[in-house]
Amino acid sequence: MSTKRISKEFAEVSQTPIEGFFVTLPPNNSVHTWHFVTRVYHPNITNDSLGNVCLAILKAENWKPSTKIVSVLEALRNLLVEPQPDDPLEERIADEYRNDREAWEAKAKAAVTKYALEDPVFPASAS
């Protein structure tokens, strides 16, 4: 049942993508495993290859099985557009965002140039 729903939602978001997102799954992977593979320089996303996201909709206490993929992607897009420096995962980046926006923007743009203009590299699947 969940595979059918996720496949349907994936098809919808693939056909009508959210601005700024390109959604694809690696070959031979389950639709149950999703990765955000483009690194970003952001106070609410870990500055490492894991890219953990501080996003309320993803927290266990807030998660609902009825949450749609498009809702998660829209919430993520909103966080990318409007960082929340008072609830950071990366305190150093949050301080820079609050106190030296010009330097933060330069580093964020450099990360886009370095990571977002190439094809995504997916983590190896644990088969």
Protein backbone atom coordinates (compact mmCIF):
# COMPACT_ATOMS: atom_id res chain seq x y z
CA MET A 1 0.00 0.00 0.00
CA SER A 2 2.69 2.52 0.98
CA THR A 3 4.76 1.67 -2.12
CA LYS A 4 1.80 2.53 -4.35
CA ARG A 5 1.18 5.84 -2.57
CA ILE A 6 4.86 6.87 -2.56
CA SER A 7 5.22 5.92 -6.23
CA LYS A 8 2.16 8.03 -7.07
CA GLU A 9 3.46 11.02 -5.08
CA PHE A 10 6.93 10.63 -6.62
CA ALA A 11 5.37 10.65 -10.10
CA GLU A 12 3.39 13.78 -9.23
CA VAL A 13 6.41 15.68 -7.88
CA SER A 14 8.47 14.52 -10.87
CA GLN A 15 5.87 15.79 -13.34
CA THR A 16 5.20 19.03 -11.45
CA PRO A 17 8.43 19.80 -9.61
CA ILE A 18 8.68 22.31 -6.82
CA GLU A 19 10.68 25.36 -7.84
CA GLY A 20 14.35 24.77 -7.13
CA PHE A 21 14.07 20.98 -6.78
CA PHE A 22 14.97 18.16 -9.09
CA VAL A 23 13.72 14.87 -7.70
CA THR A 24 15.12 11.57 -8.89
CA LEU A 25 15.78 8.17 -7.40
CA PRO A 26 18.92 6.20 -8.03
CA PRO A 27 18.55 3.05 -10.13
CA ASN A 28 17.45 -0.10 -8.33
CA ASN A 29 16.59 1.68 -5.08
CA SER A 30 13.39 1.42 -3.15
CA VAL A 31 10.98 4.36 -3.21
CA HIS A 32 11.13 4.10 0.59
CA THR A 33 14.70 5.46 0.70
CA TRP A 34 15.14 9.16 -0.03
CA HIS A 35 18.30 11.22 0.17
CA PHE A 36 18.86 14.97 -0.12
CA VAL A 37 22.24 14.70 -1.83
CA THR A 38 23.15 18.28 -2.69
CA ARG A 39 25.25 19.81 0.06
CA VAL A 40 24.30 23.31 1.13
CA TYR A 41 25.81 25.96 3.37
CA HIS A 42 22.95 26.62 5.78
CA PRO A 43 22.49 27.07 9.54
CA ASN A 44 19.70 24.46 9.72
CA ILE A 45 21.43 21.73 7.71
CA THR A 46 24.57 19.91 8.85
CA ASN A 47 27.63 20.99 6.92
CA ASP A 48 28.71 17.46 6.03
CA SER A 49 27.89 14.73 3.55
CA LEU A 50 24.88 13.60 5.65
CA GLY A 51 23.00 16.88 5.32
CA ASN A 52 20.74 16.33 8.32
CA VAL A 53 17.94 18.88 8.32
CA CYS A 54 16.38 20.67 11.29
CA LEU A 55 12.82 20.77 10.03
CA ALA A 56 9.77 20.44 12.28
CA ILE A 57 7.74 18.38 9.78
CA LEU A 58 10.46 15.68 9.85
CA LYS A 59 10.70 15.35 13.63
CA ALA A 60 9.32 12.10 15.03
CA GLU A 61 6.86 13.89 17.33
CA ASN A 62 5.40 15.85 14.39
CA TRP A 63 5.47 13.17 11.69
CA LYS A 64 2.16 11.88 10.39
CA PRO A 65 1.82 9.00 7.92
CA SER A 66 -0.54 11.18 5.89
CA THR A 67 2.22 13.77 5.26
CA LYS A 68 2.74 14.10 1.53
CA ILE A 69 6.15 14.21 -0.14
CA VAL A 70 5.29 17.55 -1.72
CA SER A 71 4.61 18.99 1.76
CA VAL A 72 8.04 17.89 2.97
CA LEU A 73 9.72 19.37 -0.11
CA GLU A 74 7.81 22.64 0.22
CA ALA A 75 8.76 22.90 3.91
CA LEU A 76 12.39 22.22 2.99
CA ARG A 77 12.27 24.85 0.24
CA ASN A 78 10.84 27.39 2.70
CA LEU A 79 13.64 26.62 5.15
CA LEU A 80 16.24 27.05 2.43
CA VAL A 81 14.76 30.42 1.47
CA GLU A 82 14.24 31.57 5.08
CA PRO A 83 16.90 30.09 7.38
CA GLN A 84 16.04 29.85 11.07
CA PRO A 85 19.29 30.92 12.79
CA ASP A 86 17.69 30.73 16.26
CA ASP A 87 17.24 26.94 15.88
CA PRO A 88 20.48 25.92 14.12
CA LEU A 89 22.24 22.64 13.57
CA GLU A 90 25.37 24.59 12.66
CA GLU A 91 25.90 27.32 15.26
CA ARG A 92 28.94 28.79 13.47
CA ILE A 93 26.97 29.20 10.24
CA ALA A 94 24.01 30.65 12.17
CA ASP A 95 26.31 33.23 13.80
CA GLU A 96 27.68 34.15 10.40
CA TYR A 97 24.14 34.41 8.97
CA ARG A 98 23.11 36.76 11.81
CA ASN A 99 26.28 38.85 11.99
CA ASP A 100 27.91 38.84 8.54
CA ARG A 101 25.22 38.16 5.95
CA GLU A 102 27.52 39.12 3.08
CA ALA A 103 30.10 36.46 4.03
CA TRP A 104 27.34 33.89 4.56
CA GLU A 105 25.85 34.61 1.13
CA ALA A 106 29.27 34.31 -0.52
CA LYS A 107 29.86 30.90 1.12
CA ALA A 108 26.33 29.73 0.28
CA LYS A 109 26.85 30.71 -3.37
CA ALA A 110 30.23 28.95 -3.40
CA ALA A 111 28.54 25.77 -2.10
CA VAL A 112 25.95 25.99 -4.89
CA THR A 113 28.71 26.33 -7.46
CA LYS A 114 30.63 23.41 -5.96
CA TYR A 115 27.78 20.98 -5.22
CA ALA A 116 24.55 21.91 -7.00
CA LEU A 117 25.68 22.23 -10.60
CA GLU A 118 26.80 18.61 -10.99
CA ASP A 119 24.70 15.47 -11.28
CA PRO A 120 23.83 14.10 -7.84
CA VAL A 121 26.01 11.40 -6.34
CA PHE A 122 23.86 9.05 -4.30
CA PRO A 123 25.15 7.22 -1.23
CA ALA A 124 25.90 3.55 -1.76
CA SER A 125 22.86 1.48 -0.93
CA ALA A 126 23.06 -1.07 1.81
CA SER A 127 22.01 -4.15 -0.09
